[in-house]
Amino acid sequence: VLYVKTMIRERGNRAMYAASVGYHAALVPAVALFWPWLAALFAALAVRAAVVPRVWPGASPRMVGFGEVAASVTLGLLLVA
């Protein structure tokens, strides 16, 4: 949710960006404790939360949505596997 808000409604809001990056970064070690095989995906999502708003700040909501679908499908497939 924080990443999507950073990309759409709160675009350019530094506090929301910091909250999004901090949240995603904090999830990586937490996930690694319980599901080490998921840590790589969560690390990639943390990098995405930090890089994409800076590199591609004008991304359309449609493109952000496509990225979210891809991330959700990847997570679902990893959980099933």
PDB file of N, CA and C in Angstrom:
ATOM      1  N   VAL A   1       0.828  -1.186   0.000  1.00  0.00           N
ATOM      2  CA  VAL A   1       0.000   0.000   0.000  1.00  0.00           C
ATOM      3  C   VAL A   1       0.875   1.253   0.000  1.00  0.00           C
ATOM      4  N   LEU A   2       1.915   1.268   0.827  1.00  0.00           N
ATOM      5  CA  LEU A   2       2.764   2.457   0.902  1.00  0.00           C
ATOM      6  C   LEU A   2       3.458   2.738  -0.425  1.00  0.00           C
ATOM      7  N   TYR A   3       3.920   1.690  -1.083  1.00  0.00           N
ATOM      8  CA  TYR A   3       4.589   1.875  -2.373  1.00  0.00           C
ATOM      9  C   TYR A   3       3.621   2.477  -3.396  1.00  0.00           C
ATOM     10  N   VAL A   4       2.421   1.957  -3.461  1.00  0.00           N
ATOM     11  CA  VAL A   4       1.432   2.450  -4.428  1.00  0.00           C
ATOM     12  C   VAL A   4       1.070   3.900  -4.110  1.00  0.00           C
ATOM     13  N   LYS A   5       0.875   4.210  -2.827  1.00  0.00           N
ATOM     14  CA  LYS A   5       0.589   5.601  -2.459  1.00  0.00           C
ATOM     15  C   LYS A   5       1.748   6.512  -2.856  1.00  0.00           C
ATOM     16  N   THR A   6       2.975   6.044  -2.672  1.00  0.00           N
ATOM     17  CA  THR A   6       4.147   6.835  -3.045  1.00  0.00           C
ATOM     18  C   THR A   6       4.168   7.099  -4.543  1.00  0.00           C
ATOM     19  N   MET A   7       3.681   6.153  -5.313  1.00  0.00           N
ATOM     20  CA  MET A   7       3.717   6.282  -6.766  1.00  0.00           C
ATOM     21  C   MET A   7       2.516   7.034  -7.339  1.00  0.00           C
ATOM     22  N   ILE A   8       1.414   7.107  -6.614  1.00  0.00           N
ATOM     23  CA  ILE A   8       0.208   7.705  -7.191  1.00  0.00           C
ATOM     24  C   ILE A   8      -0.252   8.925  -6.381  1.00  0.00           C
ATOM     25  N   ARG A   9      -0.924   8.733  -5.280  1.00  0.00           N
ATOM     26  CA  ARG A   9      -1.521   9.861  -4.545  1.00  0.00           C
ATOM     27  C   ARG A   9      -0.506  10.733  -3.828  1.00  0.00           C
ATOM     28  N   GLU A  10       0.510  10.124  -3.279  1.00  0.00           N
ATOM     29  CA  GLU A  10       1.497  10.868  -2.494  1.00  0.00           C
ATOM     30  C   GLU A  10       2.792  11.080  -3.277  1.00  0.00           C
ATOM     31  N   ARG A  11       2.687  11.130  -4.576  1.00  0.00           N
ATOM     32  CA  ARG A  11       3.863  11.325  -5.434  1.00  0.00           C
ATOM     33  C   ARG A  11       4.592  12.602  -5.011  1.00  0.00           C
ATOM     34  N   GLY A  12       5.892  12.485  -4.769  1.00  0.00           N
ATOM     35  CA  GLY A  12       6.693  13.636  -4.376  1.00  0.00           C
ATOM     36  C   GLY A  12       6.715  13.903  -2.877  1.00  0.00           C
ATOM     37  N   ASN A  13       5.955  13.170  -2.093  1.00  0.00           N
ATOM     38  CA  ASN A  13       5.918  13.341  -0.641  1.00  0.00           C
ATOM     39  C   ASN A  13       7.090  12.574  -0.034  1.00  0.00           C
ATOM     40  N   ARG A  14       8.070  13.302   0.475  1.00  0.00           N
ATOM     41  CA  ARG A  14       9.283  12.666   1.008  1.00  0.00           C
ATOM     42  C   ARG A  14       9.002  11.790   2.223  1.00  0.00           C
ATOM     43  N   ALA A  15       8.073  12.215   3.070  1.00  0.00           N
ATOM     44  CA  ALA A  15       7.751  11.422   4.255  1.00  0.00           C
ATOM     45  C   ALA A  15       7.132  10.081   3.858  1.00  0.00           C
ATOM     46  N   MET A  16       6.244  10.084   2.877  1.00  0.00           N
ATOM     47  CA  MET A  16       5.629   8.839   2.425  1.00  0.00           C
ATOM     48  C   MET A  16       6.669   7.939   1.761  1.00  0.00           C
ATOM     49  N   TYR A  17       7.566   8.546   0.990  1.00  0.00           N
ATOM     50  CA  TYR A  17       8.647   7.777   0.361  1.00  0.00           C
ATOM     51  C   TYR A  17       9.508   7.111   1.432  1.00  0.00           C
ATOM     52  N   ALA A  18       9.894   7.877   2.454  1.00  0.00           N
ATOM     53  CA  ALA A  18      10.727   7.333   3.533  1.00  0.00           C
ATOM     54  C   ALA A  18       9.992   6.217   4.278  1.00  0.00           C
ATOM     55  N   ALA A  19       8.707   6.400   4.531  1.00  0.00           N
ATOM     56  CA  ALA A  19       7.919   5.365   5.204  1.00  0.00           C
ATOM     57  C   ALA A  19       7.845   4.097   4.355  1.00  0.00           C
ATOM     58  N   SER A  20       7.665   4.259   3.052  1.00  0.00           N
ATOM     59  CA  SER A  20       7.586   3.109   2.154  1.00  0.00           C
ATOM     60  C   SER A  20       8.903   2.341   2.116  1.00  0.00           C
ATOM     61  N   VAL A  21       9.988   3.062   1.946  1.00  0.00           N
ATOM     62  CA  VAL A  21      11.303   2.407   1.888  1.00  0.00           C
ATOM     63  C   VAL A  21      11.626   1.754   3.230  1.00  0.00           C
ATOM     64  N   GLY A  22      11.361   2.458   4.328  1.00  0.00           N
ATOM     65  CA  GLY A  22      11.632   1.897   5.648  1.00  0.00           C
ATOM     66  C   GLY A  22      10.825   0.643   5.934  1.00  0.00           C
ATOM     67  N   TYR A  23       9.559   0.673   5.575  1.00  0.00           N
ATOM     68  CA  TYR A  23       8.690  -0.486   5.779  1.00  0.00           C
ATOM     69  C   TYR A  23       9.197  -1.690   4.980  1.00  0.00           C
ATOM     70  N   HIS A  24       9.487  -1.472   3.702  1.00  0.00           N
ATOM     71  CA  HIS A  24       9.950  -2.574   2.863  1.00  0.00           C
ATOM     72  C   HIS A  24      11.309  -3.100   3.324  1.00  0.00           C
ATOM     73  N   ALA A  25      12.187  -2.197   3.745  1.00  0.00           N
ATOM     74  CA  ALA A  25      13.502  -2.630   4.234  1.00  0.00           C
ATOM     75  C   ALA A  25      13.370  -3.415   5.537  1.00  0.00           C
ATOM     76  N   ALA A  26      12.449  -3.026   6.403  1.00  0.00           N
ATOM     77  CA  ALA A  26      12.256  -3.737   7.667  1.00  0.00           C
ATOM     78  C   ALA A  26      11.661  -5.127   7.453  1.00  0.00           C
ATOM     79  N   LEU A  27      10.915  -5.297   6.386  1.00  0.00           N
ATOM     80  CA  LEU A  27      10.321  -6.612   6.117  1.00  0.00           C
ATOM     81  C   LEU A  27      11.351  -7.662   5.717  1.00  0.00           C
ATOM     82  N   VAL A  28      12.431  -7.247   5.093  1.00  0.00           N
ATOM     83  CA  VAL A  28      13.403  -8.222   4.571  1.00  0.00           C
ATOM     84  C   VAL A  28      13.957  -9.105   5.691  1.00  0.00           C
ATOM     85  N   PRO A  29      14.547  -8.559   6.757  1.00  0.00           N
ATOM     86  CA  PRO A  29      15.061  -9.462   7.800  1.00  0.00           C
ATOM     87  C   PRO A  29      13.956 -10.209   8.544  1.00  0.00           C
ATOM     88  N   ALA A  30      12.785  -9.581   8.690  1.00  0.00           N
ATOM     89  CA  ALA A  30      11.682 -10.259   9.365  1.00  0.00           C
ATOM     90  C   ALA A  30      11.234 -11.485   8.579  1.00  0.00           C
ATOM     91  N   VAL A  31      11.123 -11.332   7.275  1.00  0.00           N
ATOM     92  CA  VAL A  31      10.730 -12.459   6.424  1.00  0.00           C
ATOM     93  C   VAL A  31      11.838 -13.515   6.407  1.00  0.00           C
ATOM     94  N   ALA A  32      13.082 -13.067   6.379  1.00  0.00           N
ATOM     95  CA  ALA A  32      14.216 -14.006   6.319  1.00  0.00           C
ATOM     96  C   ALA A  32      14.270 -14.903   7.556  1.00  0.00           C
ATOM     97  N   LEU A  33      13.795 -14.412   8.684  1.00  0.00           N
ATOM     98  CA  LEU A  33      13.793 -15.233   9.903  1.00  0.00           C
ATOM     99  C   LEU A  33      12.877 -16.442   9.773  1.00  0.00           C
ATOM    100  N   PHE A  34      11.740 -16.253   9.135  1.00  0.00           N
ATOM    101  CA  PHE A  34      10.748 -17.319   9.070  1.00  0.00           C
ATOM    102  C   PHE A  34      10.715 -18.063   7.731  1.00  0.00           C
ATOM    103  N   TRP A  35      10.959 -17.331   6.642  1.00  0.00           N
ATOM    104  CA  TRP A  35      10.927 -17.913   5.306  1.00  0.00           C
ATOM    105  C   TRP A  35      12.149 -17.435   4.519  1.00  0.00           C
ATOM    106  N   PRO A  36      13.323 -18.013   4.757  1.00  0.00           N
ATOM    107  CA  PRO A  36      14.538 -17.527   4.091  1.00  0.00           C
ATOM    108  C   PRO A  36      14.447 -17.559   2.570  1.00  0.00           C
ATOM    109  N   TRP A  37      13.686 -18.476   2.036  1.00  0.00           N
ATOM    110  CA  TRP A  37      13.575 -18.597   0.586  1.00  0.00           C
ATOM    111  C   TRP A  37      12.742 -17.466  -0.015  1.00  0.00           C
ATOM    112  N   LEU A  38      12.015 -16.716   0.802  1.00  0.00           N
ATOM    113  CA  LEU A  38      11.250 -15.559   0.313  1.00  0.00           C
ATOM    114  C   LEU A  38      12.020 -14.244   0.456  1.00  0.00           C
ATOM    115  N   ALA A  39      13.126 -14.288   1.169  1.00  0.00           N
ATOM    116  CA  ALA A  39      13.871 -13.054   1.459  1.00  0.00           C
ATOM    117  C   ALA A  39      14.349 -12.353   0.190  1.00  0.00           C
ATOM    118  N   ALA A  40      14.726 -13.102  -0.824  1.00  0.00           N
ATOM    119  CA  ALA A  40      15.203 -12.489  -2.070  1.00  0.00           C
ATOM    120  C   ALA A  40      14.093 -11.671  -2.735  1.00  0.00           C
ATOM    121  N   LEU A  41      12.881 -12.196  -2.752  1.00  0.00           N
ATOM    122  CA  LEU A  41      11.766 -11.449  -3.330  1.00  0.00           C
ATOM    123  C   LEU A  41      11.502 -10.180  -2.534  1.00  0.00           C
ATOM    124  N   PHE A  42      11.491 -10.275  -1.219  1.00  0.00           N
ATOM    125  CA  PHE A  42      11.228  -9.100  -0.403  1.00  0.00           C
ATOM    126  C   PHE A  42      12.366  -8.083  -0.508  1.00  0.00           C
ATOM    127  N   ALA A  43      13.594  -8.549  -0.694  1.00  0.00           N
ATOM    128  CA  ALA A  43      14.705  -7.623  -0.932  1.00  0.00           C
ATOM    129  C   ALA A  43      14.514  -6.897  -2.261  1.00  0.00           C
ATOM    130  N   ALA A  44      14.068  -7.624  -3.275  1.00  0.00           N
ATOM    131  CA  ALA A  44      13.818  -6.994  -4.577  1.00  0.00           C
ATOM    132  C   ALA A  44      12.677  -5.976  -4.470  1.00  0.00           C
ATOM    133  N   LEU A  45      11.658  -6.283  -3.697  1.00  0.00           N
ATOM    134  CA  LEU A  45      10.555  -5.338  -3.509  1.00  0.00           C
ATOM    135  C   LEU A  45      11.016  -4.103  -2.732  1.00  0.00           C
ATOM    136  N   ALA A  46      11.944  -4.282  -1.804  1.00  0.00           N
ATOM    137  CA  ALA A  46      12.498  -3.140  -1.069  1.00  0.00           C
ATOM    138  C   ALA A  46      13.313  -2.249  -2.004  1.00  0.00           C
ATOM    139  N   VAL A  47      14.095  -2.868  -2.874  1.00  0.00           N
ATOM    140  CA  VAL A  47      14.864  -2.089  -3.852  1.00  0.00           C
ATOM    141  C   VAL A  47      13.900  -1.355  -4.785  1.00  0.00           C
ATOM    142  N   ARG A  48      12.852  -2.019  -5.193  1.00  0.00           N
ATOM    143  CA  ARG A  48      11.849  -1.387  -6.056  1.00  0.00           C
ATOM    144  C   ARG A  48      11.238  -0.176  -5.363  1.00  0.00           C
ATOM    145  N   ALA A  49      10.904  -0.311  -4.083  1.00  0.00           N
ATOM    146  CA  ALA A  49      10.302   0.800  -3.337  1.00  0.00           C
ATOM    147  C   ALA A  49      11.245   1.991  -3.237  1.00  0.00           C
ATOM    148  N   ALA A  50      12.548   1.720  -3.230  1.00  0.00           N
ATOM    149  CA  ALA A  50      13.532   2.803  -3.128  1.00  0.00           C
ATOM    150  C   ALA A  50      13.872   3.416  -4.477  1.00  0.00           C
ATOM    151  N   VAL A  51      13.937   2.605  -5.516  1.00  0.00           N
ATOM    152  CA  VAL A  51      14.456   3.072  -6.806  1.00  0.00           C
ATOM    153  C   VAL A  51      13.369   3.608  -7.736  1.00  0.00           C
ATOM    154  N   VAL A  52      12.291   2.892  -7.893  1.00  0.00           N
ATOM    155  CA  VAL A  52      11.291   3.256  -8.901  1.00  0.00           C
ATOM    156  C   VAL A  52      10.714   4.662  -8.703  1.00  0.00           C
ATOM    157  N   PRO A  53      10.344   5.072  -7.488  1.00  0.00           N
ATOM    158  CA  PRO A  53       9.808   6.435  -7.353  1.00  0.00           C
ATOM    159  C   PRO A  53      10.811   7.526  -7.749  1.00  0.00           C
ATOM    160  N   ARG A  54      12.080   7.230  -7.647  1.00  0.00           N
ATOM    161  CA  ARG A  54      13.106   8.217  -8.019  1.00  0.00           C
ATOM    162  C   ARG A  54      13.419   8.182  -9.515  1.00  0.00           C
ATOM    163  N   VAL A  55      13.477   6.993 -10.074  1.00  0.00           N
ATOM    164  CA  VAL A  55      13.854   6.841 -11.478  1.00  0.00           C
ATOM    165  C   VAL A  55      12.661   7.062 -12.410  1.00  0.00           C
ATOM    166  N   TRP A  56      11.484   6.658 -11.968  1.00  0.00           N
ATOM    167  CA  TRP A  56      10.298   6.704 -12.820  1.00  0.00           C
ATOM    168  C   TRP A  56       9.139   7.341 -12.054  1.00  0.00           C
ATOM    169  N   PRO A  57       9.292   8.606 -11.636  1.00  0.00           N
ATOM    170  CA  PRO A  57       8.268   9.231 -10.791  1.00  0.00           C
ATOM    171  C   PRO A  57       6.940   9.487 -11.508  1.00  0.00           C
ATOM    172  N   GLY A  58       6.951   9.533 -12.814  1.00  0.00           N
ATOM    173  CA  GLY A  58       5.730   9.805 -13.559  1.00  0.00           C
ATOM    174  C   GLY A  58       5.032   8.572 -14.076  1.00  0.00           C
ATOM    175  N   ALA A  59       5.308   7.420 -13.474  1.00  0.00           N
ATOM    176  CA  ALA A  59       4.669   6.179 -13.924  1.00  0.00           C
ATOM    177  C   ALA A  59       3.157   6.296 -13.798  1.00  0.00           C
ATOM    178  N   SER A  60       2.466   5.806 -14.786  1.00  0.00           N
ATOM    179  CA  SER A  60       1.004   5.866 -14.763  1.00  0.00           C
ATOM    180  C   SER A  60       0.467   4.857 -13.743  1.00  0.00           C
ATOM    181  N   PRO A  61      -0.717   5.128 -13.209  1.00  0.00           N
ATOM    182  CA  PRO A  61      -1.337   4.163 -12.293  1.00  0.00           C
ATOM    183  C   PRO A  61      -1.479   2.774 -12.926  1.00  0.00           C
ATOM    184  N   ARG A  62      -1.704   2.742 -14.214  1.00  0.00           N
ATOM    185  CA  ARG A  62      -1.823   1.457 -14.913  1.00  0.00           C
ATOM    186  C   ARG A  62      -0.517   0.661 -14.823  1.00  0.00           C
ATOM    187  N   MET A  63       0.602   1.326 -15.054  1.00  0.00           N
ATOM    188  CA  MET A  63       1.890   0.640 -15.002  1.00  0.00           C
ATOM    189  C   MET A  63       2.231   0.206 -13.571  1.00  0.00           C
ATOM    190  N   VAL A  64       1.899   1.052 -12.601  1.00  0.00           N
ATOM    191  CA  VAL A  64       2.108   0.687 -11.197  1.00  0.00           C
ATOM    192  C   VAL A  64       1.268  -0.548 -10.873  1.00  0.00           C
ATOM    193  N   GLY A  65       0.051  -0.577 -11.349  1.00  0.00           N
ATOM    194  CA  GLY A  65      -0.825  -1.725 -11.132  1.00  0.00           C
ATOM    195  C   GLY A  65      -0.287  -2.998 -11.756  1.00  0.00           C
ATOM    196  N   PHE A  66       0.246  -2.883 -12.979  1.00  0.00           N
ATOM    197  CA  PHE A  66       0.851  -4.057 -13.620  1.00  0.00           C
ATOM    198  C   PHE A  66       2.013  -4.592 -12.783  1.00  0.00           C
ATOM    199  N   GLY A  67       2.811  -3.683 -12.248  1.00  0.00           N
ATOM    200  CA  GLY A  67       3.929  -4.093 -11.389  1.00  0.00           C
ATOM    201  C   GLY A  67       3.447  -4.786 -10.128  1.00  0.00           C
ATOM    202  N   GLU A  68       2.367  -4.277  -9.554  1.00  0.00           N
ATOM    203  CA  GLU A  68       1.804  -4.897  -8.351  1.00  0.00           C
ATOM    204  C   GLU A  68       1.253  -6.280  -8.650  1.00  0.00           C
ATOM    205  N   VAL A  69       0.609  -6.427  -9.794  1.00  0.00           N
ATOM    206  CA  VAL A  69       0.102  -7.749 -10.184  1.00  0.00           C
ATOM    207  C   VAL A  69       1.265  -8.723 -10.346  1.00  0.00           C
ATOM    208  N   ALA A  70       2.326  -8.291 -11.000  1.00  0.00           N
ATOM    209  CA  ALA A  70       3.496  -9.158 -11.185  1.00  0.00           C
ATOM    210  C   ALA A  70       4.100  -9.557  -9.844  1.00  0.00           C
ATOM    211  N   ALA A  71       4.221  -8.606  -8.931  1.00  0.00           N
ATOM    212  CA  ALA A  71       4.782  -8.910  -7.610  1.00  0.00           C
ATOM    213  C   ALA A  71       3.869  -9.874  -6.849  1.00  0.00           C
ATOM    214  N   SER A  72       2.565  -9.675  -6.939  1.00  0.00           N
ATOM    215  CA  SER A  72       1.622 -10.545  -6.235  1.00  0.00           C
ATOM    216  C   SER A  72       1.613 -11.954  -6.799  1.00  0.00           C
ATOM    217  N   VAL A  73       1.665 -12.062  -8.109  1.00  0.00           N
ATOM    218  CA  VAL A  73       1.707 -13.391  -8.744  1.00  0.00           C
ATOM    219  C   VAL A  73       2.993 -14.106  -8.367  1.00  0.00           C
ATOM    220  N   THR A  74       4.110 -13.382  -8.387  1.00  0.00           N
ATOM    221  CA  THR A  74       5.387 -13.985  -8.002  1.00  0.00           C
ATOM    222  C   THR A  74       5.342 -14.476  -6.567  1.00  0.00           C
ATOM    223  N   LEU A  75       4.825 -13.663  -5.657  1.00  0.00           N
ATOM    224  CA  LEU A  75       4.706 -14.074  -4.268  1.00  0.00           C
ATOM    225  C   LEU A  75       3.799 -15.299  -4.141  1.00  0.00           C
ATOM    226  N   GLY A  76       2.677 -15.287  -4.830  1.00  0.00           N
ATOM    227  CA  GLY A  76       1.764 -16.421  -4.788  1.00  0.00           C
ATOM    228  C   GLY A  76       2.411 -17.705  -5.288  1.00  0.00           C
ATOM    229  N   LEU A  77       3.134 -17.610  -6.382  1.00  0.00           N
ATOM    230  CA  LEU A  77       3.799 -18.796  -6.926  1.00  0.00           C
ATOM    231  C   LEU A  77       4.866 -19.319  -5.972  1.00  0.00           C
ATOM    232  N   LEU A  78       5.610 -18.413  -5.347  1.00  0.00           N
ATOM    233  CA  LEU A  78       6.624 -18.850  -4.393  1.00  0.00           C
ATOM    234  C   LEU A  78       6.003 -19.493  -3.152  1.00  0.00           C
ATOM    235  N   LEU A  79       4.886 -18.976  -2.724  1.00  0.00           N
ATOM    236  CA  LEU A  79       4.222 -19.572  -1.558  1.00  0.00           C
ATOM    237  C   LEU A  79       3.648 -20.940  -1.860  1.00  0.00           C
ATOM    238  N   VAL A  80       3.166 -21.119  -3.079  1.00  0.00           N
ATOM    239  CA  VAL A  80       2.625 -22.425  -3.470  1.00  0.00           C
ATOM    240  C   VAL A  80       3.754 -23.436  -3.657  1.00  0.00           C
ATOM    241  N   ALA A  81       4.865 -22.971  -4.203  1.00  0.00           N
ATOM    242  CA  ALA A  81       6.008 -23.871  -4.444  1.00  0.00           C
ATOM    243  C   ALA A  81       6.625 -24.231  -3.130  1.00  0.00           C
TER     244      ALA A  81
END
